[in-house]
Amino acid sequence: MTPLEQLQQEWAHEYETTVKFIQRFPHDKNEYAPHEKSMKMMPLATHIVEIFAWPETILNKEELDFAKGDYQPTILTTPAELLTKLENDFEKGKKAMKQYQDNIDTQRWTMRMGEQVLQDWTKREALRHSINQIIHHRAQLGVYYRLNNIVVPGSFGPSADEQSF
């Protein structure tokens, strides 16, 4: 199995897990944040969902420059919109990974803010970072769910809510 094929498998697994989280997104908690410095629940969930399209940018471009406006955050307001965006962005990312022909270990990808380089990775490292971001922010969303008495789905086995004691 090639490194890209391995990442594709992980990507699909993280998608399936994320679907369970997004399906439980509450319709009335978009503005919830556990702390004033915390991201609100809907923007957090939207960010998680958007990451599934990142392979399209990582594999088809050499860089992402925030100063040029290469990225504009998506504004969603309903759980249905979240689920649709997740499905669409997953398909975009999956298609980009299937079509990519170059070596992900030698091709570079840069994230910048104008002249300031924020990250400079191989495309493989950038894809790995994307998966890490999904897992990290999904766990954060799980804490928001817990604090709001929303059943937390399992990510790597059953959650405490799914276990019978």
N, C-alpha and C. Protein backbone atom coordinates (compact mmCIF):
# COMPACT_ATOMS: atom_id res chain seq x y z
N MET A 1 0.84 -1.18 0.00
CA MET A 1 0.00 0.00 0.00
C MET A 1 0.89 1.24 0.00
N THR A 2 0.57 2.18 -0.88
CA THR A 2 1.36 3.41 -0.95
C THR A 2 0.99 4.34 0.21
N PRO A 3 1.85 5.31 0.50
CA PRO A 3 1.51 6.27 1.56
C PRO A 3 0.18 7.00 1.28
N LEU A 4 -0.07 7.34 0.02
CA LEU A 4 -1.31 8.03 -0.30
C LEU A 4 -2.52 7.12 -0.10
N GLU A 5 -2.39 5.87 -0.46
CA GLU A 5 -3.49 4.92 -0.23
C GLU A 5 -3.77 4.75 1.26
N GLN A 6 -2.72 4.74 2.06
CA GLN A 6 -2.89 4.64 3.51
C GLN A 6 -3.63 5.87 4.05
N LEU A 7 -3.24 7.05 3.57
CA LEU A 7 -3.92 8.27 3.99
C LEU A 7 -5.38 8.27 3.53
N GLN A 8 -5.65 7.73 2.35
CA GLN A 8 -7.03 7.64 1.86
C GLN A 8 -7.87 6.77 2.79
N GLN A 9 -7.31 5.68 3.26
CA GLN A 9 -8.03 4.81 4.19
C GLN A 9 -8.33 5.54 5.50
N GLU A 10 -7.34 6.22 6.03
CA GLU A 10 -7.54 6.97 7.27
C GLU A 10 -8.57 8.07 7.07
N TRP A 11 -8.51 8.74 5.92
CA TRP A 11 -9.44 9.81 5.59
C TRP A 11 -10.87 9.29 5.62
N ALA A 12 -11.08 8.13 5.00
CA ALA A 12 -12.42 7.53 4.96
C ALA A 12 -12.89 7.16 6.37
N HIS A 13 -11.98 6.63 7.19
CA HIS A 13 -12.34 6.27 8.57
C HIS A 13 -12.74 7.52 9.36
N GLU A 14 -11.98 8.58 9.23
CA GLU A 14 -12.28 9.81 9.96
C GLU A 14 -13.59 10.43 9.47
N TYR A 15 -13.89 10.26 8.19
CA TYR A 15 -15.16 10.72 7.65
C TYR A 15 -16.32 9.98 8.33
N GLU A 16 -16.24 8.66 8.38
CA GLU A 16 -17.31 7.86 8.98
C GLU A 16 -17.53 8.25 10.44
N THR A 17 -16.46 8.46 11.16
CA THR A 17 -16.58 8.87 12.56
C THR A 17 -17.19 10.27 12.67
N THR A 18 -16.75 11.17 11.81
CA THR A 18 -17.24 12.54 11.84
C THR A 18 -18.72 12.60 11.49
N VAL A 19 -19.18 11.76 10.60
CA VAL A 19 -20.61 11.72 10.25
C VAL A 19 -21.43 11.51 11.52
N LYS A 20 -20.99 10.59 12.39
CA LYS A 20 -21.73 10.33 13.63
C LYS A 20 -21.83 11.58 14.49
N PHE A 21 -20.76 12.36 14.55
CA PHE A 21 -20.77 13.60 15.34
C PHE A 21 -21.71 14.64 14.73
N ILE A 22 -21.62 14.80 13.43
CA ILE A 22 -22.42 15.83 12.77
C ILE A 22 -23.90 15.46 12.79
N GLN A 23 -24.21 14.19 12.71
CA GLN A 23 -25.61 13.77 12.79
C GLN A 23 -26.24 14.14 14.14
N ARG A 24 -25.44 14.28 15.16
CA ARG A 24 -25.94 14.62 16.50
C ARG A 24 -25.86 16.11 16.81
N PHE A 25 -25.46 16.90 15.83
CA PHE A 25 -25.31 18.33 16.08
C PHE A 25 -26.67 18.92 16.46
N PRO A 26 -26.73 19.65 17.58
CA PRO A 26 -28.01 20.20 18.03
C PRO A 26 -28.46 21.38 17.17
N HIS A 27 -29.75 21.52 17.00
CA HIS A 27 -30.28 22.60 16.17
C HIS A 27 -30.31 23.94 16.90
N ASP A 28 -30.07 23.94 18.22
CA ASP A 28 -30.24 25.16 19.01
C ASP A 28 -28.99 25.61 19.76
N LYS A 29 -27.82 25.12 19.37
CA LYS A 29 -26.60 25.44 20.13
C LYS A 29 -25.51 26.08 19.26
N ASN A 30 -25.87 26.67 18.14
CA ASN A 30 -24.86 27.24 17.24
C ASN A 30 -23.92 28.20 17.93
N GLU A 31 -24.42 28.98 18.85
CA GLU A 31 -23.64 30.03 19.50
C GLU A 31 -22.99 29.59 20.80
N TYR A 32 -23.18 28.33 21.18
CA TYR A 32 -22.61 27.85 22.44
C TYR A 32 -21.08 27.81 22.37
N ALA A 33 -20.45 28.28 23.43
CA ALA A 33 -19.00 28.16 23.62
C ALA A 33 -18.77 27.99 25.11
N PRO A 34 -17.90 27.06 25.52
CA PRO A 34 -17.70 26.82 26.94
C PRO A 34 -16.89 27.91 27.64
N HIS A 35 -16.28 28.78 26.87
CA HIS A 35 -15.43 29.83 27.44
C HIS A 35 -15.39 30.98 26.44
N GLU A 36 -15.15 32.17 26.91
CA GLU A 36 -15.12 33.34 26.03
C GLU A 36 -14.03 33.25 24.96
N LYS A 37 -12.97 32.49 25.22
CA LYS A 37 -11.90 32.34 24.24
C LYS A 37 -12.12 31.14 23.31
N SER A 38 -13.17 30.38 23.56
CA SER A 38 -13.46 29.19 22.75
C SER A 38 -14.26 29.56 21.51
N MET A 39 -14.03 28.80 20.45
CA MET A 39 -14.81 28.95 19.23
C MET A 39 -16.26 28.52 19.52
N LYS A 40 -17.20 29.16 18.90
CA LYS A 40 -18.59 28.77 19.06
C LYS A 40 -18.83 27.44 18.34
N MET A 41 -19.89 26.74 18.77
CA MET A 41 -20.10 25.37 18.32
C MET A 41 -20.29 25.25 16.80
N MET A 42 -21.11 26.09 16.18
CA MET A 42 -21.32 25.95 14.73
C MET A 42 -20.05 26.27 13.94
N PRO A 43 -19.34 27.35 14.23
CA PRO A 43 -18.08 27.56 13.50
C PRO A 43 -17.07 26.43 13.71
N LEU A 44 -17.04 25.85 14.90
CA LEU A 44 -16.14 24.72 15.15
C LEU A 44 -16.53 23.53 14.28
N ALA A 45 -17.80 23.19 14.27
CA ALA A 45 -18.27 22.06 13.45
C ALA A 45 -18.05 22.33 11.97
N THR A 46 -18.28 23.57 11.55
CA THR A 46 -18.05 23.93 10.15
C THR A 46 -16.58 23.78 9.79
N HIS A 47 -15.70 24.18 10.67
CA HIS A 47 -14.26 24.03 10.43
C HIS A 47 -13.90 22.55 10.25
N ILE A 48 -14.41 21.71 11.11
CA ILE A 48 -14.14 20.27 10.99
C ILE A 48 -14.58 19.77 9.63
N VAL A 49 -15.77 20.13 9.24
CA VAL A 49 -16.34 19.69 7.97
C VAL A 49 -15.49 20.18 6.79
N GLU A 50 -15.07 21.44 6.84
CA GLU A 50 -14.27 22.02 5.74
C GLU A 50 -12.93 21.31 5.55
N ILE A 51 -12.38 20.78 6.61
CA ILE A 51 -11.08 20.12 6.50
C ILE A 51 -11.14 18.96 5.51
N PHE A 52 -12.29 18.35 5.36
CA PHE A 52 -12.40 17.21 4.44
C PHE A 52 -12.17 17.60 2.98
N ALA A 53 -12.24 18.87 2.65
CA ALA A 53 -11.93 19.32 1.29
C ALA A 53 -10.47 19.73 1.13
N TRP A 54 -9.73 19.79 2.22
CA TRP A 54 -8.33 20.25 2.15
C TRP A 54 -7.47 19.48 1.16
N PRO A 55 -7.62 18.17 0.99
CA PRO A 55 -6.76 17.49 0.00
C PRO A 55 -6.85 18.11 -1.39
N GLU A 56 -8.00 18.64 -1.74
CA GLU A 56 -8.15 19.28 -3.04
C GLU A 56 -7.18 20.45 -3.18
N THR A 57 -7.07 21.27 -2.15
CA THR A 57 -6.15 22.41 -2.17
C THR A 57 -4.70 21.95 -2.02
N ILE A 58 -4.47 21.05 -1.09
CA ILE A 58 -3.10 20.59 -0.83
C ILE A 58 -2.50 19.91 -2.06
N LEU A 59 -3.26 19.07 -2.71
CA LEU A 59 -2.72 18.27 -3.81
C LEU A 59 -2.74 19.00 -5.15
N ASN A 60 -3.61 19.99 -5.31
CA ASN A 60 -3.73 20.66 -6.60
C ASN A 60 -3.08 22.03 -6.65
N LYS A 61 -2.57 22.50 -5.52
CA LYS A 61 -1.91 23.81 -5.47
C LYS A 61 -0.60 23.68 -4.71
N GLU A 62 0.26 24.66 -4.87
CA GLU A 62 1.53 24.66 -4.16
C GLU A 62 1.45 25.39 -2.83
N GLU A 63 0.41 26.24 -2.68
CA GLU A 63 0.32 27.00 -1.45
C GLU A 63 -1.10 27.49 -1.21
N LEU A 64 -1.30 27.92 0.02
CA LEU A 64 -2.51 28.62 0.43
C LEU A 64 -2.04 29.90 1.08
N ASP A 65 -2.47 31.03 0.54
CA ASP A 65 -2.06 32.33 1.06
C ASP A 65 -3.29 33.07 1.60
N PHE A 66 -3.38 33.12 2.91
CA PHE A 66 -4.52 33.78 3.54
C PHE A 66 -4.58 35.27 3.19
N ALA A 67 -3.42 35.91 2.99
CA ALA A 67 -3.38 37.33 2.67
C ALA A 67 -4.01 37.63 1.32
N LYS A 68 -3.96 36.68 0.41
CA LYS A 68 -4.57 36.86 -0.92
C LYS A 68 -6.05 36.54 -0.93
N GLY A 69 -6.57 36.09 0.20
CA GLY A 69 -7.98 35.72 0.25
C GLY A 69 -8.24 34.36 -0.35
N ASP A 70 -7.20 33.50 -0.38
CA ASP A 70 -7.35 32.16 -0.94
C ASP A 70 -8.35 31.32 -0.15
N TYR A 71 -8.62 31.72 1.08
CA TYR A 71 -9.57 30.99 1.92
C TYR A 71 -10.60 31.94 2.49
N GLN A 72 -11.85 31.59 2.34
CA GLN A 72 -12.95 32.31 2.96
C GLN A 72 -13.77 31.29 3.75
N PRO A 73 -13.92 31.49 5.05
CA PRO A 73 -14.67 30.50 5.84
C PRO A 73 -16.13 30.41 5.40
N THR A 74 -16.66 29.22 5.50
CA THR A 74 -18.05 28.96 5.18
C THR A 74 -18.91 29.29 6.40
N ILE A 75 -20.05 29.88 6.16
CA ILE A 75 -21.01 30.18 7.22
C ILE A 75 -22.20 29.24 7.04
N LEU A 76 -22.42 28.38 8.02
CA LEU A 76 -23.56 27.47 8.00
C LEU A 76 -24.43 27.74 9.22
N THR A 77 -25.70 27.37 9.13
CA THR A 77 -26.61 27.67 10.23
C THR A 77 -27.43 26.48 10.70
N THR A 78 -27.45 25.38 9.96
CA THR A 78 -28.28 24.24 10.36
C THR A 78 -27.48 22.94 10.35
N PRO A 79 -27.92 21.98 11.16
CA PRO A 79 -27.28 20.66 11.10
C PRO A 79 -27.36 20.03 9.71
N ALA A 80 -28.45 20.24 9.00
CA ALA A 80 -28.58 19.68 7.64
C ALA A 80 -27.53 20.26 6.70
N GLU A 81 -27.27 21.56 6.83
CA GLU A 81 -26.22 22.19 6.00
C GLU A 81 -24.86 21.60 6.33
N LEU A 82 -24.61 21.37 7.62
CA LEU A 82 -23.34 20.76 8.04
C LEU A 82 -23.15 19.39 7.40
N LEU A 83 -24.18 18.57 7.46
CA LEU A 83 -24.08 17.21 6.93
C LEU A 83 -23.88 17.22 5.42
N THR A 84 -24.59 18.09 4.73
CA THR A 84 -24.42 18.20 3.27
C THR A 84 -23.02 18.65 2.92
N LYS A 85 -22.52 19.66 3.64
CA LYS A 85 -21.16 20.15 3.38
C LYS A 85 -20.13 19.07 3.67
N LEU A 86 -20.33 18.32 4.75
CA LEU A 86 -19.41 17.23 5.06
C LEU A 86 -19.36 16.22 3.91
N GLU A 87 -20.51 15.81 3.43
CA GLU A 87 -20.57 14.84 2.33
C GLU A 87 -19.89 15.39 1.08
N ASN A 88 -20.20 16.64 0.73
CA ASN A 88 -19.61 17.25 -0.47
C ASN A 88 -18.11 17.43 -0.35
N ASP A 89 -17.65 17.91 0.80
CA ASP A 89 -16.22 18.16 0.98
C ASP A 89 -15.44 16.85 1.06
N PHE A 90 -16.03 15.83 1.67
CA PHE A 90 -15.37 14.52 1.68
C PHE A 90 -15.19 14.02 0.24
N GLU A 91 -16.20 14.15 -0.57
CA GLU A 91 -16.10 13.69 -1.97
C GLU A 91 -15.03 14.47 -2.73
N LYS A 92 -14.94 15.78 -2.50
CA LYS A 92 -13.88 16.59 -3.13
C LYS A 92 -12.50 16.10 -2.72
N GLY A 93 -12.31 15.90 -1.42
CA GLY A 93 -11.01 15.43 -0.92
C GLY A 93 -10.67 14.04 -1.44
N LYS A 94 -11.65 13.15 -1.42
CA LYS A 94 -11.44 11.78 -1.90
C LYS A 94 -11.07 11.77 -3.38
N LYS A 95 -11.77 12.57 -4.17
CA LYS A 95 -11.49 12.65 -5.61
C LYS A 95 -10.07 13.17 -5.86
N ALA A 96 -9.68 14.19 -5.12
CA ALA A 96 -8.33 14.76 -5.28
C ALA A 96 -7.27 13.71 -4.97
N MET A 97 -7.48 12.92 -3.91
CA MET A 97 -6.50 11.90 -3.55
C MET A 97 -6.45 10.77 -4.59
N LYS A 98 -7.58 10.43 -5.17
CA LYS A 98 -7.60 9.36 -6.18
C LYS A 98 -6.91 9.80 -7.47
N GLN A 99 -7.02 11.08 -7.80
CA GLN A 99 -6.48 11.58 -9.06
C GLN A 99 -5.01 12.01 -8.97
N TYR A 100 -4.48 12.16 -7.78
CA TYR A 100 -3.12 12.69 -7.63
C TYR A 100 -2.09 11.69 -8.13
N GLN A 101 -1.15 12.17 -8.92
CA GLN A 101 -0.15 11.30 -9.54
C GLN A 101 1.28 11.52 -9.05
N ASP A 102 1.60 12.68 -8.53
CA ASP A 102 2.97 12.97 -8.12
C ASP A 102 3.31 12.28 -6.80
N ASN A 103 4.55 12.42 -6.40
CA ASN A 103 5.03 11.83 -5.16
C ASN A 103 4.71 12.77 -4.00
N ILE A 104 3.87 12.32 -3.07
CA ILE A 104 3.49 13.19 -1.95
C ILE A 104 4.62 13.41 -0.96
N ASP A 105 5.70 12.63 -1.10
CA ASP A 105 6.83 12.80 -0.19
C ASP A 105 7.87 13.80 -0.71
N THR A 106 7.77 14.20 -1.97
CA THR A 106 8.74 15.17 -2.50
C THR A 106 8.09 16.50 -2.88
N GLN A 107 6.83 16.50 -3.21
CA GLN A 107 6.14 17.74 -3.59
C GLN A 107 5.84 18.55 -2.32
N ARG A 108 6.05 19.85 -2.39
CA ARG A 108 5.89 20.72 -1.22
C ARG A 108 4.54 21.44 -1.27
N TRP A 109 4.10 21.84 -0.08
CA TRP A 109 2.90 22.66 0.06
C TRP A 109 3.14 23.65 1.19
N THR A 110 2.80 24.91 0.94
CA THR A 110 3.07 25.98 1.90
C THR A 110 1.78 26.69 2.29
N MET A 111 1.67 26.98 3.56
CA MET A 111 0.58 27.81 4.08
C MET A 111 1.24 29.10 4.52
N ARG A 112 0.69 30.22 4.05
CA ARG A 112 1.32 31.50 4.35
C ARG A 112 0.29 32.59 4.59
N MET A 113 0.79 33.67 5.16
CA MET A 113 0.05 34.91 5.31
C MET A 113 0.93 35.97 4.68
N GLY A 114 0.80 36.11 3.37
CA GLY A 114 1.69 37.01 2.64
C GLY A 114 3.11 36.48 2.67
N GLU A 115 4.03 37.28 3.15
CA GLU A 115 5.43 36.88 3.21
C GLU A 115 5.73 35.93 4.37
N GLN A 116 4.86 35.91 5.37
CA GLN A 116 5.08 35.05 6.53
C GLN A 116 4.65 33.61 6.21
N VAL A 117 5.62 32.71 6.27
CA VAL A 117 5.34 31.29 6.06
C VAL A 117 4.86 30.70 7.39
N LEU A 118 3.64 30.19 7.37
CA LEU A 118 3.06 29.58 8.56
C LEU A 118 3.47 28.12 8.67
N GLN A 119 3.46 27.42 7.54
CA GLN A 119 3.88 26.02 7.48
C GLN A 119 4.45 25.74 6.10
N ASP A 120 5.44 24.88 6.05
CA ASP A 120 6.01 24.41 4.79
C ASP A 120 6.23 22.92 4.96
N TRP A 121 5.41 22.14 4.29
CA TRP A 121 5.41 20.69 4.45
C TRP A 121 5.52 20.00 3.10
N THR A 122 5.85 18.71 3.16
CA THR A 122 5.59 17.89 1.97
C THR A 122 4.07 17.74 1.91
N LYS A 123 3.57 17.36 0.76
CA LYS A 123 2.13 17.16 0.64
C LYS A 123 1.65 16.04 1.57
N ARG A 124 2.49 15.06 1.78
CA ARG A 124 2.14 13.99 2.73
C ARG A 124 1.99 14.55 4.15
N GLU A 125 2.94 15.39 4.56
CA GLU A 125 2.87 15.98 5.90
C GLU A 125 1.63 16.87 6.04
N ALA A 126 1.29 17.60 4.98
CA ALA A 126 0.11 18.46 5.02
C ALA A 126 -1.17 17.63 5.14
N LEU A 127 -1.24 16.51 4.42
CA LEU A 127 -2.40 15.63 4.55
C LEU A 127 -2.47 15.02 5.94
N ARG A 128 -1.34 14.61 6.47
CA ARG A 128 -1.30 14.05 7.83
C ARG A 128 -1.77 15.09 8.84
N HIS A 129 -1.31 16.33 8.68
CA HIS A 129 -1.74 17.40 9.57
C HIS A 129 -3.26 17.60 9.48
N SER A 130 -3.81 17.48 8.29
CA SER A 130 -5.25 17.62 8.11
C SER A 130 -6.01 16.57 8.91
N ILE A 131 -5.56 15.34 8.84
CA ILE A 131 -6.19 14.27 9.62
C ILE A 131 -6.08 14.58 11.11
N ASN A 132 -4.91 15.03 11.54
CA ASN A 132 -4.73 15.40 12.94
C ASN A 132 -5.69 16.51 13.35
N GLN A 133 -5.90 17.48 12.47
CA GLN A 133 -6.82 18.58 12.75
C GLN A 133 -8.25 18.08 12.92
N ILE A 134 -8.66 17.16 12.07
CA ILE A 134 -10.01 16.59 12.18
C ILE A 134 -10.18 15.93 13.55
N ILE A 135 -9.23 15.10 13.92
CA ILE A 135 -9.31 14.37 15.19
C ILE A 135 -9.31 15.35 16.37
N HIS A 136 -8.42 16.31 16.33
CA HIS A 136 -8.30 17.29 17.42
C HIS A 136 -9.60 18.07 17.61
N HIS A 137 -10.11 18.65 16.52
CA HIS A 137 -11.29 19.50 16.65
C HIS A 137 -12.56 18.68 16.89
N ARG A 138 -12.60 17.45 16.40
CA ARG A 138 -13.74 16.59 16.68
C ARG A 138 -13.79 16.26 18.17
N ALA A 139 -12.63 16.03 18.77
CA ALA A 139 -12.58 15.80 20.23
C ALA A 139 -13.04 17.04 20.98
N GLN A 140 -12.66 18.18 20.50
CA GLN A 140 -13.11 19.45 21.10
C GLN A 140 -14.64 19.53 21.01
N LEU A 141 -15.20 19.18 19.85
CA LEU A 141 -16.65 19.18 19.69
C LEU A 141 -17.30 18.18 20.65
N GLY A 142 -16.64 17.05 20.89
CA GLY A 142 -17.14 16.07 21.84
C GLY A 142 -17.25 16.64 23.25
N VAL A 143 -16.30 17.48 23.63
CA VAL A 143 -16.38 18.14 24.94
C VAL A 143 -17.58 19.08 24.98
N TYR A 144 -17.80 19.83 23.91
CA TYR A 144 -18.97 20.71 23.85
C TYR A 144 -20.24 19.88 24.01
N TYR A 145 -20.29 18.73 23.34
CA TYR A 145 -21.47 17.86 23.45
C TYR A 145 -21.64 17.41 24.90
N ARG A 146 -20.58 16.95 25.51
CA ARG A 146 -20.65 16.47 26.89
C ARG A 146 -21.19 17.56 27.81
N LEU A 147 -20.69 18.78 27.64
CA LEU A 147 -21.12 19.88 28.49
C LEU A 147 -22.58 20.26 28.27
N ASN A 148 -23.15 19.82 27.16
CA ASN A 148 -24.55 20.11 26.84
C ASN A 148 -25.44 18.87 26.92
N ASN A 149 -24.92 17.82 27.54
CA ASN A 149 -25.68 16.57 27.68
C ASN A 149 -26.15 15.98 26.35
N ILE A 150 -25.31 16.12 25.34
CA ILE A 150 -25.56 15.51 24.03
C ILE A 150 -24.74 14.22 24.01
N VAL A 151 -25.34 13.13 23.60
CA VAL A 151 -24.65 11.84 23.57
C VAL A 151 -23.42 11.96 22.66
N VAL A 152 -22.27 11.61 23.21
CA VAL A 152 -21.01 11.69 22.48
C VAL A 152 -20.77 10.36 21.77
N PRO A 153 -20.64 10.39 20.45
CA PRO A 153 -20.36 9.14 19.74
C PRO A 153 -18.93 8.67 19.98
N GLY A 154 -18.70 7.40 19.86
CA GLY A 154 -17.35 6.87 19.97
C GLY A 154 -16.53 7.24 18.74
N SER A 155 -15.26 7.42 18.95
CA SER A 155 -14.35 7.71 17.84
C SER A 155 -13.45 6.52 17.53
N PHE A 156 -12.92 5.91 18.57
CA PHE A 156 -12.00 4.77 18.41
C PHE A 156 -12.47 3.66 19.32
N GLY A 157 -13.73 3.32 19.21
CA GLY A 157 -14.38 2.39 20.11
C GLY A 157 -15.53 3.12 20.76
N PRO A 158 -16.31 2.43 21.59
CA PRO A 158 -17.48 3.08 22.17
C PRO A 158 -17.10 4.20 23.15
N SER A 159 -17.94 5.22 23.17
CA SER A 159 -17.77 6.28 24.15
C SER A 159 -18.42 5.83 25.46
N ALA A 160 -18.24 6.62 26.51
CA ALA A 160 -18.89 6.31 27.79
C ALA A 160 -20.41 6.29 27.63
N ASP A 161 -20.93 7.08 26.72
CA ASP A 161 -22.38 7.11 26.47
C ASP A 161 -22.87 5.84 25.77
N GLU A 162 -21.99 5.18 25.04
CA GLU A 162 -22.37 4.00 24.26
C GLU A 162 -22.10 2.69 24.98
N GLN A 163 -21.38 2.73 26.07
CA GLN A 163 -21.06 1.52 26.82
C GLN A 163 -22.19 1.21 27.79
N SER A 164 -22.43 -0.08 27.97
CA SER A 164 -23.37 -0.47 29.01
C SER A 164 -22.55 -1.01 30.17
N PHE A 165 -22.81 -0.49 31.34
CA PHE A 165 -22.02 -0.86 32.51
C PHE A 165 -22.77 -1.86 33.35
